[in-house]
Amino acid sequence: MLAQQVPCAICDRPIDDAIAWLDPMSVEVDEIIPVSHGGSATDLRNLEKIHRCCNQLKSDKSLAWARQKVKGAPALKPTAIPFSTSDW
């Protein structure tokens, strides 16, 4: 997993594997579906290479939520309920 030369799955910026682990831009492996939501920490299809800071931002939320948050797009809170109004 770590040997792959792919950009960060969240921010899409390059990952420098030479950066020391505690640096926010260092590499980590993240579960696409968090273990706390039923995902596997050992299934390679559920793992992706990302920056440490992106992993901390994502936490146990969805990949789509984290991508929106990083791009600065307004993102729904993970617990938000859709709201609509009537025309009258």
PDB file of N, CA and C in Angstrom:
ATOM      1  N   MET A   1       0.829  -1.196   0.000  1.00  0.00           N
ATOM      2  CA  MET A   1       0.000   0.000   0.000  1.00  0.00           C
ATOM      3  C   MET A   1       0.870   1.255   0.000  1.00  0.00           C
ATOM      4  N   LEU A   2       1.825   1.315   0.920  1.00  0.00           N
ATOM      5  CA  LEU A   2       2.658   2.513   1.036  1.00  0.00           C
ATOM      6  C   LEU A   2       3.624   2.691  -0.122  1.00  0.00           C
ATOM      7  N   ALA A   3       3.931   1.625  -0.845  1.00  0.00           N
ATOM      8  CA  ALA A   3       4.878   1.703  -1.964  1.00  0.00           C
ATOM      9  C   ALA A   3       4.255   2.342  -3.206  1.00  0.00           C
ATOM     10  N   GLN A   4       2.932   2.399  -3.267  1.00  0.00           N
ATOM     11  CA  GLN A   4       2.266   2.989  -4.424  1.00  0.00           C
ATOM     12  C   GLN A   4       2.560   4.486  -4.504  1.00  0.00           C
ATOM     13  N   GLN A   5       2.832   4.974  -5.687  1.00  0.00           N
ATOM     14  CA  GLN A   5       3.058   6.402  -5.907  1.00  0.00           C
ATOM     15  C   GLN A   5       1.766   7.034  -6.412  1.00  0.00           C
ATOM     16  N   VAL A   6       0.862   7.286  -5.487  1.00  0.00           N
ATOM     17  CA  VAL A   6      -0.435   7.873  -5.816  1.00  0.00           C
ATOM     18  C   VAL A   6      -0.616   9.156  -5.003  1.00  0.00           C
ATOM     19  N   PRO A   7      -1.418  10.081  -5.504  1.00  0.00           N
ATOM     20  CA  PRO A   7      -1.687  11.289  -4.712  1.00  0.00           C
ATOM     21  C   PRO A   7      -2.617  10.973  -3.544  1.00  0.00           C
ATOM     22  N   CYS A   8      -2.729  11.909  -2.632  1.00  0.00           N
ATOM     23  CA  CYS A   8      -3.619  11.768  -1.487  1.00  0.00           C
ATOM     24  C   CYS A   8      -5.052  11.569  -1.975  1.00  0.00           C
ATOM     25  N   ALA A   9      -5.738  10.590  -1.422  1.00  0.00           N
ATOM     26  CA  ALA A   9      -7.105  10.277  -1.846  1.00  0.00           C
ATOM     27  C   ALA A   9      -8.102  11.363  -1.454  1.00  0.00           C
ATOM     28  N   ILE A  10      -7.716  12.248  -0.543  1.00  0.00           N
ATOM     29  CA  ILE A  10      -8.633  13.301  -0.109  1.00  0.00           C
ATOM     30  C   ILE A  10      -8.331  14.632  -0.795  1.00  0.00           C
ATOM     31  N   CYS A  11      -7.090  15.123  -0.691  1.00  0.00           N
ATOM     32  CA  CYS A  11      -6.771  16.450  -1.243  1.00  0.00           C
ATOM     33  C   CYS A  11      -6.183  16.379  -2.649  1.00  0.00           C
ATOM     34  N   ASP A  12      -5.815  15.208  -3.118  1.00  0.00           N
ATOM     35  CA  ASP A  12      -5.288  14.961  -4.453  1.00  0.00           C
ATOM     36  C   ASP A  12      -3.911  15.595  -4.687  1.00  0.00           C
ATOM     37  N   ARG A  13      -3.215  15.995  -3.617  1.00  0.00           N
ATOM     38  CA  ARG A  13      -1.859  16.520  -3.746  1.00  0.00           C
ATOM     39  C   ARG A  13      -0.862  15.368  -3.605  1.00  0.00           C
ATOM     40  N   PRO A  14       0.345  15.524  -4.159  1.00  0.00           N
ATOM     41  CA  PRO A  14       1.351  14.459  -4.055  1.00  0.00           C
ATOM     42  C   PRO A  14       1.725  14.189  -2.597  1.00  0.00           C
ATOM     43  N   ILE A  15       2.125  12.962  -2.337  1.00  0.00           N
ATOM     44  CA  ILE A  15       2.571  12.562  -1.005  1.00  0.00           C
ATOM     45  C   ILE A  15       4.062  12.257  -1.079  1.00  0.00           C
ATOM     46  N   ASP A  16       4.840  12.920  -0.233  1.00  0.00           N
ATOM     47  CA  ASP A  16       6.278  12.677  -0.165  1.00  0.00           C
ATOM     48  C   ASP A  16       6.535  11.646   0.925  1.00  0.00           C
ATOM     49  N   ASP A  17       6.907  10.428   0.522  1.00  0.00           N
ATOM     50  CA  ASP A  17       7.120   9.341   1.470  1.00  0.00           C
ATOM     51  C   ASP A  17       8.312   9.581   2.390  1.00  0.00           C
ATOM     52  N   ALA A  18       9.178  10.543   2.074  1.00  0.00           N
ATOM     53  CA  ALA A  18      10.376  10.798   2.875  1.00  0.00           C
ATOM     54  C   ALA A  18      10.096  11.692   4.084  1.00  0.00           C
ATOM     55  N   ILE A  19       8.914  12.274   4.166  1.00  0.00           N
ATOM     56  CA  ILE A  19       8.585  13.162   5.282  1.00  0.00           C
ATOM     57  C   ILE A  19       8.379  12.331   6.547  1.00  0.00           C
ATOM     58  N   ALA A  20       8.962  12.792   7.652  1.00  0.00           N
ATOM     59  CA  ALA A  20       8.869  12.086   8.935  1.00  0.00           C
ATOM     60  C   ALA A  20       7.413  11.937   9.378  1.00  0.00           C
ATOM     61  N   TRP A  21       7.113  10.846  10.081  1.00  0.00           N
ATOM     62  CA  TRP A  21       5.736  10.451  10.400  1.00  0.00           C
ATOM     63  C   TRP A  21       4.920  11.503  11.132  1.00  0.00           C
ATOM     64  N   LEU A  22       5.450  12.219  12.083  1.00  0.00           N
ATOM     65  CA  LEU A  22       4.633  13.162  12.850  1.00  0.00           C
ATOM     66  C   LEU A  22       4.316  14.448  12.104  1.00  0.00           C
ATOM     67  N   ASP A  23       4.950  14.692  10.984  1.00  0.00           N
ATOM     68  CA  ASP A  23       4.659  15.871  10.167  1.00  0.00           C
ATOM     69  C   ASP A  23       3.243  15.750   9.596  1.00  0.00           C
ATOM     70  N   PRO A  24       2.470  16.847   9.560  1.00  0.00           N
ATOM     71  CA  PRO A  24       1.103  16.773   9.028  1.00  0.00           C
ATOM     72  C   PRO A  24       1.017  16.285   7.574  1.00  0.00           C
ATOM     73  N   MET A  25       2.085  16.485   6.789  1.00  0.00           N
ATOM     74  CA  MET A  25       2.056  16.057   5.390  1.00  0.00           C
ATOM     75  C   MET A  25       2.667  14.667   5.180  1.00  0.00           C
ATOM     76  N   SER A  26       2.966  13.962   6.262  1.00  0.00           N
ATOM     77  CA  SER A  26       3.503  12.603   6.143  1.00  0.00           C
ATOM     78  C   SER A  26       2.401  11.650   5.680  1.00  0.00           C
ATOM     79  N   VAL A  27       2.797  10.457   5.320  1.00  0.00           N
ATOM     80  CA  VAL A  27       1.867   9.475   4.753  1.00  0.00           C
ATOM     81  C   VAL A  27       1.241   8.614   5.849  1.00  0.00           C
ATOM     82  N   GLU A  28      -0.035   8.298   5.658  1.00  0.00           N
ATOM     83  CA  GLU A  28      -0.748   7.348   6.503  1.00  0.00           C
ATOM     84  C   GLU A  28      -1.646   6.505   5.614  1.00  0.00           C
ATOM     85  N   VAL A  29      -2.088   5.396   6.160  1.00  0.00           N
ATOM     86  CA  VAL A  29      -3.051   4.539   5.468  1.00  0.00           C
ATOM     87  C   VAL A  29      -4.388   4.712   6.175  1.00  0.00           C
ATOM     88  N   ASP A  30      -5.428   4.951   5.396  1.00  0.00           N
ATOM     89  CA  ASP A  30      -6.759   5.208   5.949  1.00  0.00           C
ATOM     90  C   ASP A  30      -7.739   4.167   5.448  1.00  0.00           C
ATOM     91  N   GLU A  31      -8.753   3.903   6.247  1.00  0.00           N
ATOM     92  CA  GLU A  31      -9.845   3.029   5.816  1.00  0.00           C
ATOM     93  C   GLU A  31     -10.887   3.888   5.091  1.00  0.00           C
ATOM     94  N   ILE A  32     -11.258   3.506   3.891  1.00  0.00           N
ATOM     95  CA  ILE A  32     -12.277   4.236   3.133  1.00  0.00           C
ATOM     96  C   ILE A  32     -13.586   4.216   3.922  1.00  0.00           C
ATOM     97  N   ILE A  33     -13.995   3.034   4.339  1.00  0.00           N
ATOM     98  CA  ILE A  33     -15.127   2.897   5.259  1.00  0.00           C
ATOM     99  C   ILE A  33     -14.502   2.679   6.634  1.00  0.00           C
ATOM    100  N   PRO A  34     -14.665   3.621   7.553  1.00  0.00           N
ATOM    101  CA  PRO A  34     -14.024   3.503   8.856  1.00  0.00           C
ATOM    102  C   PRO A  34     -14.392   2.200   9.582  1.00  0.00           C
ATOM    103  N   VAL A  35     -13.464   1.696  10.355  1.00  0.00           N
ATOM    104  CA  VAL A  35     -13.694   0.481  11.135  1.00  0.00           C
ATOM    105  C   VAL A  35     -14.897   0.677  12.056  1.00  0.00           C
ATOM    106  N   SER A  36     -15.055   1.884  12.584  1.00  0.00           N
ATOM    107  CA  SER A  36     -16.189   2.163  13.479  1.00  0.00           C
ATOM    108  C   SER A  36     -17.541   2.106  12.765  1.00  0.00           C
ATOM    109  N   HIS A  37     -17.508   2.096  11.420  1.00  0.00           N
ATOM    110  CA  HIS A  37     -18.739   2.001  10.629  1.00  0.00           C
ATOM    111  C   HIS A  37     -18.818   0.668   9.885  1.00  0.00           C
ATOM    112  N   GLY A  38     -18.018  -0.315  10.309  1.00  0.00           N
ATOM    113  CA  GLY A  38     -18.095  -1.647   9.724  1.00  0.00           C
ATOM    114  C   GLY A  38     -17.052  -1.949   8.669  1.00  0.00           C
ATOM    115  N   GLY A  39     -16.145  -1.029   8.380  1.00  0.00           N
ATOM    116  CA  GLY A  39     -15.094  -1.265   7.398  1.00  0.00           C
ATOM    117  C   GLY A  39     -13.993  -2.147   7.952  1.00  0.00           C
ATOM    118  N   SER A  40     -13.164  -2.657   7.063  1.00  0.00           N
ATOM    119  CA  SER A  40     -12.065  -3.534   7.450  1.00  0.00           C
ATOM    120  C   SER A  40     -10.741  -2.778   7.438  1.00  0.00           C
ATOM    121  N   ALA A  41      -9.921  -3.028   8.465  1.00  0.00           N
ATOM    122  CA  ALA A  41      -8.603  -2.410   8.527  1.00  0.00           C
ATOM    123  C   ALA A  41      -7.558  -3.260   7.825  1.00  0.00           C
ATOM    124  N   THR A  42      -7.947  -4.440   7.334  1.00  0.00           N
ATOM    125  CA  THR A  42      -6.986  -5.334   6.689  1.00  0.00           C
ATOM    126  C   THR A  42      -7.309  -5.619   5.229  1.00  0.00           C
ATOM    127  N   ASP A  43      -8.498  -5.309   4.774  1.00  0.00           N
ATOM    128  CA  ASP A  43      -8.889  -5.532   3.379  1.00  0.00           C
ATOM    129  C   ASP A  43      -8.286  -4.427   2.514  1.00  0.00           C
ATOM    130  N   LEU A  44      -7.386  -4.783   1.599  1.00  0.00           N
ATOM    131  CA  LEU A  44      -6.707  -3.784   0.775  1.00  0.00           C
ATOM    132  C   LEU A  44      -7.664  -2.947  -0.064  1.00  0.00           C
ATOM    133  N   ARG A  45      -8.834  -3.473  -0.375  1.00  0.00           N
ATOM    134  CA  ARG A  45      -9.811  -2.703  -1.154  1.00  0.00           C
ATOM    135  C   ARG A  45     -10.413  -1.565  -0.327  1.00  0.00           C
ATOM    136  N   ASN A  46     -10.248  -1.615   0.998  1.00  0.00           N
ATOM    137  CA  ASN A  46     -10.791  -0.587   1.880  1.00  0.00           C
ATOM    138  C   ASN A  46      -9.713   0.377   2.378  1.00  0.00           C
ATOM    139  N   LEU A  47      -8.508   0.263   1.856  1.00  0.00           N
ATOM    140  CA  LEU A  47      -7.406   1.100   2.324  1.00  0.00           C
ATOM    141  C   LEU A  47      -6.947   2.064   1.240  1.00  0.00           C
ATOM    142  N   GLU A  48      -6.487   3.239   1.656  1.00  0.00           N
ATOM    143  CA  GLU A  48      -5.974   4.237   0.733  1.00  0.00           C
ATOM    144  C   GLU A  48      -4.857   5.020   1.404  1.00  0.00           C
ATOM    145  N   LYS A  49      -4.003   5.582   0.586  1.00  0.00           N
ATOM    146  CA  LYS A  49      -2.854   6.343   1.049  1.00  0.00           C
ATOM    147  C   LYS A  49      -3.239   7.815   1.101  1.00  0.00           C
ATOM    148  N   ILE A  50      -3.051   8.442   2.276  1.00  0.00           N
ATOM    149  CA  ILE A  50      -3.413   9.852   2.422  1.00  0.00           C
ATOM    150  C   ILE A  50      -2.411  10.563   3.329  1.00  0.00           C
ATOM    151  N   HIS A  51      -2.492  11.900   3.362  1.00  0.00           N
ATOM    152  CA  HIS A  51      -1.673  12.700   4.277  1.00  0.00           C
ATOM    153  C   HIS A  51      -2.197  12.534   5.705  1.00  0.00           C
ATOM    154  N   ARG A  52      -1.315  12.668   6.665  1.00  0.00           N
ATOM    155  CA  ARG A  52      -1.693  12.582   8.074  1.00  0.00           C
ATOM    156  C   ARG A  52      -2.747  13.633   8.420  1.00  0.00           C
ATOM    157  N   CYS A  53      -2.573  14.882   7.946  1.00  0.00           N
ATOM    158  CA  CYS A  53      -3.528  15.944   8.254  1.00  0.00           C
ATOM    159  C   CYS A  53      -4.903  15.664   7.626  1.00  0.00           C
ATOM    160  N   CYS A  54      -4.909  15.067   6.439  1.00  0.00           N
ATOM    161  CA  CYS A  54      -6.177  14.716   5.795  1.00  0.00           C
ATOM    162  C   CYS A  54      -6.875  13.586   6.559  1.00  0.00           C
ATOM    163  N   ASN A  55      -6.094  12.651   7.073  1.00  0.00           N
ATOM    164  CA  ASN A  55      -6.643  11.552   7.859  1.00  0.00           C
ATOM    165  C   ASN A  55      -7.253  12.078   9.155  1.00  0.00           C
ATOM    166  N   GLN A  56      -6.591  13.029   9.781  1.00  0.00           N
ATOM    167  CA  GLN A  56      -7.124  13.601  11.016  1.00  0.00           C
ATOM    168  C   GLN A  56      -8.402  14.390  10.746  1.00  0.00           C
ATOM    169  N   LEU A  57      -8.461  15.078   9.615  1.00  0.00           N
ATOM    170  CA  LEU A  57      -9.668  15.811   9.244  1.00  0.00           C
ATOM    171  C   LEU A  57     -10.833  14.846   9.007  1.00  0.00           C
ATOM    172  N   LYS A  58     -10.557  13.785   8.262  1.00  0.00           N
ATOM    173  CA  LYS A  58     -11.605  12.824   7.923  1.00  0.00           C
ATOM    174  C   LYS A  58     -12.133  12.109   9.152  1.00  0.00           C
ATOM    175  N   SER A  59     -11.246  11.705  10.038  1.00  0.00           N
ATOM    176  CA  SER A  59     -11.622  10.991  11.256  1.00  0.00           C
ATOM    177  C   SER A  59     -12.501   9.793  10.904  1.00  0.00           C
ATOM    178  N   ASP A  60     -13.723   9.748  11.405  1.00  0.00           N
ATOM    179  CA  ASP A  60     -14.613   8.616  11.112  1.00  0.00           C
ATOM    180  C   ASP A  60     -15.739   9.018  10.159  1.00  0.00           C
ATOM    181  N   LYS A  61     -15.508  10.104   9.419  1.00  0.00           N
ATOM    182  CA  LYS A  61     -16.528  10.571   8.471  1.00  0.00           C
ATOM    183  C   LYS A  61     -16.286   9.966   7.091  1.00  0.00           C
ATOM    184  N   SER A  62     -17.154  10.269   6.161  1.00  0.00           N
ATOM    185  CA  SER A  62     -17.047   9.680   4.825  1.00  0.00           C
ATOM    186  C   SER A  62     -15.954  10.349   3.999  1.00  0.00           C
ATOM    187  N   LEU A  63     -15.492   9.628   2.989  1.00  0.00           N
ATOM    188  CA  LEU A  63     -14.491  10.148   2.064  1.00  0.00           C
ATOM    189  C   LEU A  63     -15.046  11.368   1.327  1.00  0.00           C
ATOM    190  N   ALA A  64     -16.292  11.317   0.907  1.00  0.00           N
ATOM    191  CA  ALA A  64     -16.923  12.436   0.196  1.00  0.00           C
ATOM    192  C   ALA A  64     -16.982  13.680   1.085  1.00  0.00           C
ATOM    193  N   TRP A  65     -17.314  13.511   2.352  1.00  0.00           N
ATOM    194  CA  TRP A  65     -17.375  14.634   3.287  1.00  0.00           C
ATOM    195  C   TRP A  65     -16.003  15.281   3.420  1.00  0.00           C
ATOM    196  N   ALA A  66     -14.966  14.463   3.585  1.00  0.00           N
ATOM    197  CA  ALA A  66     -13.600  14.976   3.745  1.00  0.00           C
ATOM    198  C   ALA A  66     -13.136  15.706   2.487  1.00  0.00           C
ATOM    199  N   ARG A  67     -13.451  15.165   1.307  1.00  0.00           N
ATOM    200  CA  ARG A  67     -13.056  15.826   0.053  1.00  0.00           C
ATOM    201  C   ARG A  67     -13.715  17.191  -0.076  1.00  0.00           C
ATOM    202  N   GLN A  68     -14.988  17.288   0.271  1.00  0.00           N
ATOM    203  CA  GLN A  68     -15.686  18.577   0.214  1.00  0.00           C
ATOM    204  C   GLN A  68     -15.072  19.565   1.194  1.00  0.00           C
ATOM    205  N   LYS A  69     -14.745  19.098   2.369  1.00  0.00           N
ATOM    206  CA  LYS A  69     -14.172  19.953   3.410  1.00  0.00           C
ATOM    207  C   LYS A  69     -12.807  20.497   2.978  1.00  0.00           C
ATOM    208  N   VAL A  70     -11.974  19.650   2.380  1.00  0.00           N
ATOM    209  CA  VAL A  70     -10.643  20.066   1.935  1.00  0.00           C
ATOM    210  C   VAL A  70     -10.727  21.054   0.791  1.00  0.00           C
ATOM    211  N   LYS A  71     -11.681  20.879  -0.102  1.00  0.00           N
ATOM    212  CA  LYS A  71     -11.811  21.763  -1.257  1.00  0.00           C
ATOM    213  C   LYS A  71     -12.475  23.080  -0.904  1.00  0.00           C
ATOM    214  N   GLY A  72     -12.923  23.227   0.333  1.00  0.00           N
ATOM    215  CA  GLY A  72     -13.539  24.472   0.766  1.00  0.00           C
ATOM    216  C   GLY A  72     -14.995  24.593   0.389  1.00  0.00           C
ATOM    217  N   ALA A  73     -15.557  23.548  -0.217  1.00  0.00           N
ATOM    218  CA  ALA A  73     -16.970  23.581  -0.564  1.00  0.00           C
ATOM    219  C   ALA A  73     -17.789  23.419   0.708  1.00  0.00           C
ATOM    220  N   PRO A  74     -18.912  24.084   0.776  1.00  0.00           N
ATOM    221  CA  PRO A  74     -19.739  23.903   1.960  1.00  0.00           C
ATOM    222  C   PRO A  74     -20.165  22.435   2.060  1.00  0.00           C
ATOM    223  N   ALA A  75     -19.915  21.861   3.192  1.00  0.00           N
ATOM    224  CA  ALA A  75     -20.246  20.454   3.399  1.00  0.00           C
ATOM    225  C   ALA A  75     -21.304  20.334   4.483  1.00  0.00           C
ATOM    226  N   LEU A  76     -22.190  19.401   4.304  1.00  0.00           N
ATOM    227  CA  LEU A  76     -23.172  19.127   5.345  1.00  0.00           C
ATOM    228  C   LEU A  76     -22.469  18.512   6.539  1.00  0.00           C
ATOM    229  N   LYS A  77     -22.963  18.823   7.706  1.00  0.00           N
ATOM    230  CA  LYS A  77     -22.458  18.142   8.881  1.00  0.00           C
ATOM    231  C   LYS A  77     -22.844  16.672   8.734  1.00  0.00           C
ATOM    232  N   PRO A  78     -22.024  15.751   9.223  1.00  0.00           N
ATOM    233  CA  PRO A  78     -22.329  14.338   9.025  1.00  0.00           C
ATOM    234  C   PRO A  78     -23.665  13.926   9.624  1.00  0.00           C
ATOM    235  N   THR A  79     -24.191  14.716  10.557  1.00  0.00           N
ATOM    236  CA  THR A  79     -25.465  14.368  11.185  1.00  0.00           C
ATOM    237  C   THR A  79     -26.609  15.255  10.726  1.00  0.00           C
ATOM    238  N   ALA A  80     -26.362  16.123   9.735  1.00  0.00           N
ATOM    239  CA  ALA A  80     -27.381  17.078   9.289  1.00  0.00           C
ATOM    240  C   ALA A  80     -28.537  16.379   8.595  1.00  0.00           C
ATOM    241  N   ILE A  81     -29.713  16.903   8.808  1.00  0.00           N
ATOM    242  CA  ILE A  81     -30.916  16.399   8.150  1.00  0.00           C
ATOM    243  C   ILE A  81     -31.267  17.375   7.038  1.00  0.00           C
ATOM    244  N   PRO A  82     -31.524  16.889   5.811  1.00  0.00           N
ATOM    245  CA  PRO A  82     -31.880  17.806   4.715  1.00  0.00           C
ATOM    246  C   PRO A  82     -33.091  18.652   5.110  1.00  0.00           C
ATOM    247  N   PHE A  83     -33.092  19.900   4.704  1.00  0.00           N
ATOM    248  CA  PHE A  83     -34.137  20.855   5.080  1.00  0.00           C
ATOM    249  C   PHE A  83     -34.722  21.463   3.820  1.00  0.00           C
ATOM    250  N   SER A  84     -36.022  21.528   3.732  1.00  0.00           N
ATOM    251  CA  SER A  84     -36.670  22.192   2.610  1.00  0.00           C
ATOM    252  C   SER A  84     -37.807  23.054   3.138  1.00  0.00           C
ATOM    253  N   THR A  85     -38.179  24.050   2.348  1.00  0.00           N
ATOM    254  CA  THR A  85     -39.257  24.961   2.754  1.00  0.00           C
ATOM    255  C   THR A  85     -40.368  24.917   1.725  1.00  0.00           C
ATOM    256  N   SER A  86     -41.534  25.353   2.126  1.00  0.00           N
ATOM    257  CA  SER A  86     -42.652  25.418   1.193  1.00  0.00           C
ATOM    258  C   SER A  86     -42.625  26.767   0.475  1.00  0.00           C
ATOM    259  N   ASP A  87     -43.405  26.903  -0.596  1.00  0.00           N
ATOM    260  CA  ASP A  87     -43.432  28.136  -1.382  1.00  0.00           C
ATOM    261  C   ASP A  87     -44.451  29.152  -0.868  1.00  0.00           C
ATOM    262  N   TRP A  88     -45.210  28.831   0.124  1.00  0.00           N
ATOM    263  CA  TRP A  88     -46.235  29.775   0.570  1.00  0.00           C
ATOM    264  C   TRP A  88     -45.956  30.425   1.835  1.00  0.00           C
TER     265      TRP A  88
END
